[in-house]
Protein backbone atom coordinates (compact mmCIF):
# COMPACT_ATOMS: atom_id res chain seq x y z
CA MET A 1 -8.00 26.35 20.09
CA SER A 2 -8.39 29.76 18.13
CA ALA A 3 -10.82 32.70 18.91
CA VAL A 4 -11.63 35.59 17.03
CA LEU A 5 -8.40 36.01 15.01
CA PHE A 6 -8.05 38.86 12.83
CA ALA A 7 -11.41 40.05 11.98
CA SER A 8 -11.63 42.79 15.04
CA VAL A 9 -8.02 44.04 13.85
CA VAL A 10 -7.66 46.38 10.81
CA LEU A 11 -4.31 45.68 9.14
CA ALA A 12 -2.55 46.93 6.02
CA GLU A 13 -2.30 44.10 3.62
CA PRO A 14 1.00 41.91 3.77
CA PRO A 15 2.98 41.26 0.55
CA PRO A 16 1.82 38.14 -1.01
CA ALA A 17 5.54 37.08 -0.86
CA LEU A 18 5.03 36.70 2.95
CA ILE A 19 2.88 33.81 2.57
CA ILE A 20 6.17 31.70 1.21
CA PRO A 21 7.39 30.76 4.91
CA PHE A 22 4.10 29.31 5.62
CA GLY A 23 4.47 27.23 2.46
CA LEU A 24 8.07 25.94 3.15
CA LEU A 25 7.35 24.89 6.56
CA LEU A 26 4.06 22.74 4.91
CA LEU A 27 6.83 21.35 2.30
CA LEU A 28 9.17 20.81 4.81
CA ILE A 29 6.60 18.96 6.85
CA ALA A 30 5.76 17.07 4.03
CA VAL A 31 9.08 15.93 2.34
CA MET A 32 11.32 15.60 5.10
CA PRO A 33 10.03 12.16 6.08
CA LEU A 34 10.76 11.17 2.44
CA SER A 35 14.66 12.23 2.77
CA PRO A 36 17.72 9.93 3.16
CA GLU A 37 18.15 8.75 6.49
CA TRP A 38 21.02 11.21 7.54
CA VAL A 39 18.62 14.21 6.14
CA LYS A 40 15.74 12.73 8.12
CA ARG A 41 17.96 12.71 11.49
CA ARG A 42 19.00 16.23 11.06
CA TRP A 43 15.33 17.44 10.60
CA GLU A 44 14.23 15.41 13.62
CA HIS A 45 16.84 17.26 15.45
CA TYR A 46 16.56 20.98 14.05
CA TYR A 47 12.48 20.93 13.17
CA PRO A 48 12.10 23.24 16.20
CA HIS A 49 14.68 25.77 15.18
CA VAL A 50 13.54 25.57 11.66
CA SER A 51 9.39 26.00 12.72
CA LEU A 52 10.06 28.81 15.15
CA GLY A 53 12.49 30.53 13.12
CA LEU A 54 10.21 30.76 10.16
CA GLY A 55 7.21 31.89 12.64
CA LEU A 56 9.73 34.87 13.98
CA LEU A 57 10.46 36.09 10.71
CA VAL A 58 6.89 36.64 9.86
CA ALA A 59 6.35 37.98 13.15
CA ALA A 60 9.20 40.29 12.77
CA TYR A 61 7.64 41.49 9.72
CA TYR A 62 4.58 42.40 11.28
CA LEU A 63 6.18 44.12 13.99
CA ALA A 64 8.29 46.46 11.83
CA ARG A 65 5.87 47.07 8.77
CA ILE A 66 2.23 46.31 9.71
CA PRO A 67 -0.20 48.69 11.77
CA ALA A 68 -1.30 46.86 14.84
CA GLY A 69 0.94 44.13 13.81
CA GLY A 70 1.92 43.49 17.52
CA THR A 71 -1.94 43.04 18.42
CA THR A 72 -2.21 40.44 15.72
CA ILE A 73 0.79 38.58 17.18
CA MET A 74 -0.44 38.70 20.56
CA HIS A 75 -3.79 37.28 19.26
CA THR A 76 -2.31 34.55 17.46
CA VAL A 77 0.12 33.54 20.39
CA HIS A 78 -2.75 33.53 22.80
CA GLU A 79 -4.83 31.49 20.44
CA TYR A 80 -1.72 29.03 19.92
CA PHE A 81 -1.51 28.88 23.86
CA SER A 82 -4.98 27.96 24.19
CA PHE A 83 -4.89 25.63 21.59
CA ILE A 84 -1.75 23.89 22.93
CA CYS A 85 -3.39 23.80 26.65
CA LEU A 86 -6.27 22.10 25.41
CA ILE A 87 -4.78 19.24 23.05
CA GLY A 88 -1.76 18.85 25.78
CA SER A 89 -4.06 18.50 28.74
CA LEU A 90 -6.19 16.06 26.85
CA PHE A 91 -3.16 14.17 25.47
CA VAL A 92 -1.97 13.94 29.30
CA VAL A 93 -4.98 12.92 30.78
CA ALA A 94 -5.92 10.26 28.21
CA GLY A 95 -2.52 9.00 28.17
CA GLY A 96 -3.19 7.95 32.02
CA ILE A 97 -6.45 5.82 31.31
CA HIS A 98 -5.38 2.30 30.03
CA LEU A 99 -8.05 0.23 28.27
CA LYS A 100 -6.79 -3.33 27.69
CA VAL A 101 -8.95 -4.78 24.78
CA ARG A 102 -8.79 -8.32 22.99
CA GLY A 103 -6.16 -8.26 20.35
CA ALA A 104 -8.11 -10.03 17.56
CA ALA A 105 -11.18 -7.69 16.74
CA THR A 106 -13.42 -8.60 13.80
CA PRO A 107 -14.34 -6.25 11.31
CA VAL A 108 -17.69 -6.02 12.70
CA GLU A 109 -16.23 -5.24 16.26
CA ASN A 110 -13.62 -2.41 14.49
CA VAL A 111 -17.02 -0.70 12.68
CA VAL A 112 -18.53 -0.63 16.21
CA PHE A 113 -15.62 0.68 17.80
CA LEU A 114 -15.36 3.56 15.30
CA THR A 115 -18.71 4.29 15.46
CA VAL A 116 -18.92 4.30 19.26
CA GLY A 117 -15.62 6.84 18.91
CA ALA A 118 -17.44 8.94 16.56
CA LEU A 119 -20.12 9.32 19.09
CA PHE A 120 -18.00 9.89 21.84
CA THR A 121 -15.87 12.90 20.03
CA ASN A 122 -18.90 14.93 20.33
CA LEU A 123 -18.75 14.73 24.35
CA ILE A 124 -15.13 15.04 24.79
CA GLY A 125 -13.75 16.65 21.54
CA THR A 126 -11.73 14.95 18.51
CA THR A 127 -8.49 15.61 20.53
CA GLY A 128 -9.57 13.89 23.69
CA ALA A 129 -11.27 10.85 22.26
CA SER A 130 -8.14 10.25 19.73
CA MET A 131 -5.69 10.27 22.53
CA LEU A 132 -8.03 7.98 24.82
CA LEU A 133 -9.01 5.56 22.00
CA ILE A 134 -5.87 5.23 19.66
CA ARG A 135 -3.87 2.99 21.75
CA PRO A 136 -6.78 0.79 22.54
CA TRP A 137 -7.62 0.64 18.78
CA ILE A 138 -3.69 -0.28 18.04
CA ARG A 139 -4.05 -3.03 20.65
CA MET A 140 -7.42 -4.46 19.57
CA ASN A 141 -5.83 -5.04 15.94
CA GLN A 142 -2.16 -5.71 17.11
CA GLN A 143 -2.27 -9.06 15.33
CA ARG A 144 -3.02 -7.34 11.69
CA ILE A 145 -2.52 -3.54 12.28
CA THR A 146 -2.13 -1.81 9.00
CA ALA A 147 -1.62 1.76 7.87
CA CYS A 148 -5.33 1.92 6.92
CA HIS A 149 -6.42 1.31 10.37
CA ILE A 150 -4.77 4.44 11.43
CA VAL A 151 -5.79 6.48 8.72
CA PHE A 152 -9.54 5.72 9.05
CA PHE A 153 -8.98 6.35 12.70
CA ILE A 154 -8.00 9.73 11.74
CA PHE A 155 -10.59 10.26 9.20
CA ILE A 156 -13.62 9.25 11.68
CA ILE A 157 -12.64 9.56 15.13
CA ALA A 158 -9.65 12.42 14.93
CA ASN A 159 -11.97 14.60 12.30
CA CYS A 160 -15.39 13.75 10.66
CA GLY A 161 -16.87 12.39 14.02
CA GLY A 162 -17.04 15.60 16.13
CA ALA A 163 -19.20 17.63 13.72
CA LEU A 164 -22.44 17.60 15.74
CA THR A 165 -21.65 20.00 19.06
CA PRO A 166 -19.26 22.80 20.01
CA ILE A 167 -17.29 20.25 22.10
CA GLY A 168 -16.62 18.00 19.09
CA ASP A 169 -14.12 20.42 17.44
CA PRO A 170 -12.44 23.85 17.90
CA PRO A 171 -14.30 25.45 14.71
CA LEU A 172 -17.59 24.61 16.10
CA PHE A 173 -16.86 26.14 19.66
CA LEU A 174 -15.98 29.47 18.08
CA GLY A 175 -19.24 29.26 16.36
CA TYR A 176 -21.07 28.64 19.49
CA LEU A 177 -19.23 31.72 21.12
CA ARG A 178 -20.60 33.65 18.13
CA GLY A 179 -24.04 32.79 18.56
CA VAL A 180 -24.83 29.35 17.25
CA PRO A 181 -26.93 27.40 19.81
CA PHE A 182 -25.29 24.74 21.53
CA PHE A 183 -27.73 21.87 19.80
CA TRP A 184 -28.33 23.57 16.61
CA LEU A 185 -25.90 21.63 14.41
CA LEU A 186 -27.16 18.17 16.10
CA GLU A 187 -30.61 19.35 14.67
CA HIS A 188 -29.36 20.78 11.19
CA ALA A 189 -26.09 18.20 10.49
CA MET A 190 -27.44 15.19 11.64
CA LEU A 191 -28.16 13.66 8.14
CA PRO A 192 -24.83 14.63 6.37
CA TRP A 193 -22.69 13.58 9.54
CA LEU A 194 -24.81 10.22 9.28
CA ALA A 195 -24.04 9.80 5.76
CA CYS A 196 -20.50 10.90 5.84
CA LEU A 197 -19.67 8.43 8.57
CA GLY A 198 -21.76 5.78 6.97
CA PHE A 199 -19.74 5.98 3.75
CA LEU A 200 -16.51 5.98 5.56
CA LEU A 201 -17.36 2.83 7.69
CA ALA A 202 -18.85 0.84 4.46
CA VAL A 203 -15.27 1.53 2.65
CA PHE A 204 -13.49 0.54 5.88
CA TYR A 205 -15.47 -2.53 6.47
CA ALA A 206 -14.83 -3.59 2.86
CA ILE A 207 -11.07 -2.98 3.32
CA ASP A 208 -10.72 -4.56 6.74
CA ARG A 209 -12.97 -7.96 5.89
CA ARG A 210 -10.47 -8.57 3.24
CA ASN A 211 -7.70 -7.94 5.92
CA PHE A 212 -8.99 -10.15 8.55
CA ALA A 213 -9.30 -13.08 6.29
CA ARG A 214 -5.55 -13.23 6.08
CA LEU A 215 -5.31 -13.70 9.85
CA SER A 216 -4.89 -17.44 10.53
CA PRO A 217 -7.46 -18.95 12.94
CA ALA A 218 -4.64 -20.51 15.04
CA LEU A 219 -3.37 -16.90 16.04
CA ARG A 220 -6.95 -15.31 16.09
CA GLU A 221 -8.01 -18.20 18.74
CA ARG A 222 -4.78 -17.79 20.79
CA ALA A 223 -5.12 -13.83 21.00
CA GLU A 224 -8.76 -14.13 21.73
CA ALA A 225 -7.74 -16.65 24.79
CA GLN A 226 -5.04 -14.53 26.08
CA ASP A 227 -6.69 -11.02 25.87
CA SER A 228 -9.52 -9.67 28.12
CA TRP A 229 -11.20 -6.44 28.81
CA HIS A 230 -9.81 -4.17 31.58
CA PHE A 231 -9.98 -0.56 32.49
CA GLU A 232 -7.34 1.63 34.47
CA GLY A 233 -6.62 5.09 35.48
CA GLY A 234 -10.23 5.94 36.32
CA VAL A 235 -9.24 8.79 38.29
CA ASN A 236 -8.43 10.51 34.84
CA VAL A 237 -12.26 10.58 33.82
CA LEU A 238 -12.65 13.41 36.74
CA PHE A 239 -9.50 15.24 35.00
CA LEU A 240 -10.97 14.74 31.66
CA LEU A 241 -14.41 16.25 32.87
CA MET A 242 -12.51 19.13 34.31
CA ILE A 243 -10.91 19.77 30.93
CA VAL A 244 -14.23 19.87 29.14
CA GLY A 245 -15.75 22.11 31.86
CA ALA A 246 -13.16 24.33 31.49
CA VAL A 247 -14.25 25.08 27.97
CA PHE A 248 -17.43 26.91 29.38
CA LEU A 249 -15.80 29.16 31.86
CA PRO A 250 -15.92 32.68 31.23
CA PRO A 251 -13.12 34.26 29.06
CA VAL A 252 -11.33 35.45 32.05
CA PRO A 253 -7.56 35.64 31.11
CA MET A 254 -5.72 32.18 31.80
CA LEU A 255 -8.72 30.95 33.75
CA ARG A 256 -9.67 28.12 31.33
CA GLU A 257 -5.84 27.51 30.33
CA GLY A 258 -5.05 27.34 34.24
CA VAL A 259 -7.76 24.70 34.67
CA MET A 260 -6.53 22.65 31.98
CA ILE A 261 -2.79 22.76 33.06
CA ALA A 262 -3.98 21.86 36.50
CA ALA A 263 -5.99 18.67 35.31
CA ALA A 264 -3.09 17.63 33.30
CA ALA A 265 -0.53 18.17 36.24
CA ALA A 266 -2.83 16.46 38.81
CA SER A 267 -3.28 13.66 36.24
CA PHE A 268 0.49 13.25 35.68
CA ARG A 269 1.31 13.15 39.39
CA PHE A 270 -1.57 10.83 40.70
CA THR A 271 -1.72 8.42 37.50
CA PRO A 272 0.16 5.33 38.48
CA ARG A 273 3.53 4.53 36.68
CA SER A 274 2.30 1.12 35.57
CA VAL A 275 -0.62 2.76 33.84
CA HIS A 276 1.98 5.09 31.83
CA GLY A 277 4.18 2.21 31.29
CA LYS A 278 1.65 -0.03 29.65
CA ASN A 279 0.38 2.92 27.16
CA GLN A 280 4.10 3.32 26.27
CA PHE A 281 3.55 7.30 27.54
CA THR A 282 5.93 9.56 26.54
CA PHE A 283 5.56 13.48 25.78
CA GLY A 284 7.24 13.02 22.54
CA PRO A 285 4.09 13.37 20.21
CA ILE A 286 2.90 16.66 22.13
CA ARG A 287 6.17 18.10 21.80
CA GLU A 288 6.35 17.53 18.15
CA VAL A 289 2.91 19.09 17.73
CA ALA A 290 3.69 22.00 19.83
CA TRP A 291 7.02 23.07 17.91
CA LEU A 292 5.65 22.59 14.52
CA PHE A 293 2.20 24.14 15.12
CA ILE A 294 3.94 27.49 16.74
CA GLY A 295 5.28 27.81 13.56
CA ILE A 296 2.26 27.13 11.44
CA PHE A 297 0.17 29.36 13.55
CA LEU A 298 2.79 32.30 13.24
CA THR A 299 3.62 31.53 9.44
CA MET A 300 -0.03 31.45 8.45
CA MET A 301 -0.90 35.01 9.47
CA PRO A 302 -0.45 36.44 6.12
CA ALA A 303 -2.46 33.80 4.55
CA LEU A 304 -5.48 34.39 6.77
CA ASP A 305 -4.99 38.12 6.23
CA TYR A 306 -5.27 37.67 2.90
CA LEU A 307 -8.37 35.49 2.74
CA GLY A 308 -10.01 37.86 5.16
CA GLN A 309 -9.23 40.89 2.79
CA HIS A 310 -10.17 39.16 -0.84
CA GLY A 311 -12.64 36.93 0.61
CA ARG A 312 -15.54 38.48 -1.13
CA GLU A 313 -13.67 38.60 -4.50
CA PHE A 314 -14.48 34.87 -4.71
CA GLY A 315 -18.17 35.53 -5.52
CA PHE A 316 -19.48 32.62 -3.42
CA THR A 317 -23.34 32.46 -3.57
CA ARG A 318 -24.17 28.76 -2.84
CA PRO A 319 -23.52 26.47 0.04
CA LEU A 320 -21.68 24.16 -1.76
CA GLN A 321 -18.87 26.62 -2.56
CA TYR A 322 -18.75 27.52 1.05
CA TYR A 323 -18.40 23.68 1.85
CA LEU A 324 -15.54 22.92 -0.47
CA SER A 325 -13.60 26.32 -0.14
CA THR A 326 -13.74 26.14 3.88
CA GLY A 327 -12.89 22.59 3.58
CA MET A 328 -9.98 22.74 1.15
CA LEU A 329 -8.24 25.63 3.04
CA SER A 330 -8.99 23.52 6.30
CA ALA A 331 -7.07 20.81 4.79
CA VAL A 332 -3.77 22.75 4.73
CA LEU A 333 -4.53 25.43 7.38
CA ASP A 334 -5.77 25.26 10.98
CA ASN A 335 -9.59 24.42 10.59
CA ALA A 336 -10.73 26.89 13.49
CA PRO A 337 -9.31 30.16 11.83
CA THR A 338 -10.62 29.10 8.41
CA TYR A 339 -14.19 28.28 9.63
CA LEU A 340 -14.08 31.93 11.40
CA ASN A 341 -13.09 33.62 8.33
CA PHE A 342 -15.80 32.07 6.11
CA LEU A 343 -18.46 32.31 8.73
CA LYS A 344 -17.70 35.91 8.41
CA LEU A 345 -17.64 36.27 4.78
CA ALA A 346 -21.33 34.42 4.90
CA GLU A 347 -22.23 36.92 7.46
CA ALA A 348 -20.92 39.95 5.42
CA SER A 349 -22.26 38.74 2.15
CA LEU A 350 -25.96 37.33 3.15
CA VAL A 351 -27.37 39.15 5.78
CA THR A 352 -27.95 42.65 6.82
CA PRO A 353 -24.54 44.25 7.97
CA GLY A 354 -24.03 44.10 11.65
CA ALA A 355 -27.02 41.66 12.20
CA GLY A 356 -24.30 38.91 13.08
CA VAL A 357 -24.39 35.28 13.16
CA PRO A 358 -27.60 34.73 14.83
CA ALA A 359 -29.49 36.25 11.79
CA LEU A 360 -27.27 34.18 9.46
CA ILE A 361 -28.57 30.82 11.08
CA VAL A 362 -32.18 32.34 10.46
CA GLU A 363 -31.85 33.49 6.96
CA ALA A 364 -29.27 31.27 5.85
CA PRO A 365 -28.89 27.98 7.79
CA GLN A 366 -27.47 26.02 4.91
CA PHE A 367 -24.50 28.39 4.76
CA VAL A 368 -23.31 27.83 8.37
CA VAL A 369 -23.81 24.06 7.98
CA ALA A 370 -21.85 24.14 5.05
CA VAL A 371 -18.84 25.99 6.77
CA SER A 372 -19.15 23.89 9.96
CA LEU A 373 -19.05 20.53 8.06
CA GLY A 374 -16.26 21.93 5.47
CA ALA A 375 -14.05 22.75 8.54
CA VAL A 376 -14.61 19.52 10.47
CA PHE A 377 -14.54 17.03 7.68
CA PHE A 378 -11.75 18.39 5.60
CA GLY A 379 -9.42 18.52 8.53
CA ALA A 380 -8.77 14.96 7.74
CA MET A 381 -7.26 15.33 4.33
CA THR A 382 -3.76 15.87 5.53
CA TYR A 383 -1.59 15.44 8.83
CA ILE A 384 -1.86 19.14 9.49
CA GLY A 385 -5.51 19.93 8.86
CA ASN A 386 -6.43 18.95 12.45
CA GLY A 387 -4.03 18.97 15.38
CA PRO A 388 -4.99 15.38 16.70
CA ASN A 389 -3.97 14.10 13.35
CA PHE A 390 0.02 14.60 13.95
CA MET A 391 -0.69 13.13 17.54
CA VAL A 392 -2.22 9.96 16.24
CA LYS A 393 0.58 9.54 13.58
CA SER A 394 3.28 9.97 16.39
CA ILE A 395 1.69 7.68 18.79
CA ALA A 396 1.05 5.04 16.08
CA GLU A 397 4.67 5.23 15.06
CA SER A 398 5.98 4.91 18.55
CA ALA A 399 4.01 1.66 18.64
CA GLY A 400 5.74 0.40 15.85
CA VAL A 401 2.93 0.67 13.13
CA LYS A 402 3.94 1.89 9.85
CA VAL A 403 1.83 4.65 8.85
CA PRO A 404 1.98 6.61 5.44
CA THR A 405 4.34 9.59 5.00
CA PHE A 406 2.49 12.80 4.19
CA PHE A 407 2.36 12.38 0.80
CA GLY A 408 1.28 8.73 1.11
CA TYR A 409 -1.37 9.73 3.13
CA VAL A 410 -2.78 12.29 0.77
CA PHE A 411 -2.47 10.38 -2.34
CA LYS A 412 -3.39 6.99 -1.45
CA TYR A 413 -5.89 7.59 1.17
CA SER A 414 -7.52 11.27 1.48
CA LEU A 415 -7.54 12.04 -2.31
CA PRO A 416 -9.01 8.52 -3.60
CA VAL A 417 -11.02 7.59 -0.69
CA LEU A 418 -12.07 10.68 1.70
CA LEU A 419 -12.26 13.36 -1.12
CA PRO A 420 -15.19 11.40 -3.06
CA VAL A 421 -16.98 10.69 -0.02
CA LEU A 422 -16.79 14.33 1.08
CA ALA A 423 -17.70 15.64 -2.31
CA LEU A 424 -20.87 12.92 -2.51
CA VAL A 425 -22.01 14.39 0.85
CA GLY A 426 -21.90 18.06 -0.28
CA TRP A 427 -23.60 17.06 -3.49
CA LEU A 428 -26.38 15.22 -1.72
CA PHE A 429 -26.97 17.87 1.20
CA LEU A 430 -25.51 21.16 0.18
CA ARG A 431 -26.23 21.95 -3.36
């Protein structure tokens, strides 16, 4: 989770070439899974060194050449630590809850599951909902699981669903801290949220119905006869509530993070091993996210600085421009700092200097909606757009599901399917 990033720190502008490590890291994340097997094995062994090395290269320049660069690095490291504590604790606690479901879900049942999951994200966040529901989602479709099931899970539950409350997605929590009332988006963003969810569910239903038709009746009946609904690991519901409650604690150093770590440790200690075994729980997915995102957080500092210092030159005057621009950057940057920068840009451009976000939501509410939805919705455009995306991908791969590569995800699903839906939502509600 990010907090106030660089807006409060005056920096000399880093050279544009310093954005290269960030672009290189994104390129490596994209192309390495497509490499020959021997190259892929080396990447899987050395990616922590590469990610951290590129991050430290940028950090060294900031320490040596940028005024107040050390302060910026401390902000970034603290935000990374908060981010990884949140998603890591939710990952551990959700991994201690086992939901056994029928293994031959119909398309209608799948649509209901995704809809309930989208609502649930606004109560425990996209990370918590993703970690809790991805394994049951795989199991309930075990007879016919495809890449499409994983992709639409990422679209709806890991991203677009959590757009109505500050708990739903980290950028919205930052807006809450800046002065956006807790239930404000629930009132002002409900219609575009319903439209986005409805369009995506309709597309998924059409695809899944065709997939379901290929499942033999005999296999379908056998799965329905053998499987039943079952819930284990109920103690983790308390730990889940602890993590959600920690979000609202005062910003005392390490208080929130300490509660989250304590909840995760208690969950791992008191969850029966049999539950972890049924969930095939390992720390592999969160370890991968932790190493890659420390590099992403550090190397993206120059990119965010450039955006913060040159954003006004873009000349944005319409909500749709903020929606699309926030969205496209959220697809490749962490969506929380991107949200902060565009919210600051809207505040500086549209209201009296110093009036703050409360004045912005009164005088230009559509711009707040545009930045909020752009940050949340477009996080689904790539695997790196939002923290849960990578973890869902890793868990699915661990379960033996064939998921798209980085480019396969973008060119086969997010560009031809998700982007038209998001563009249509913007055209309908944010012109």
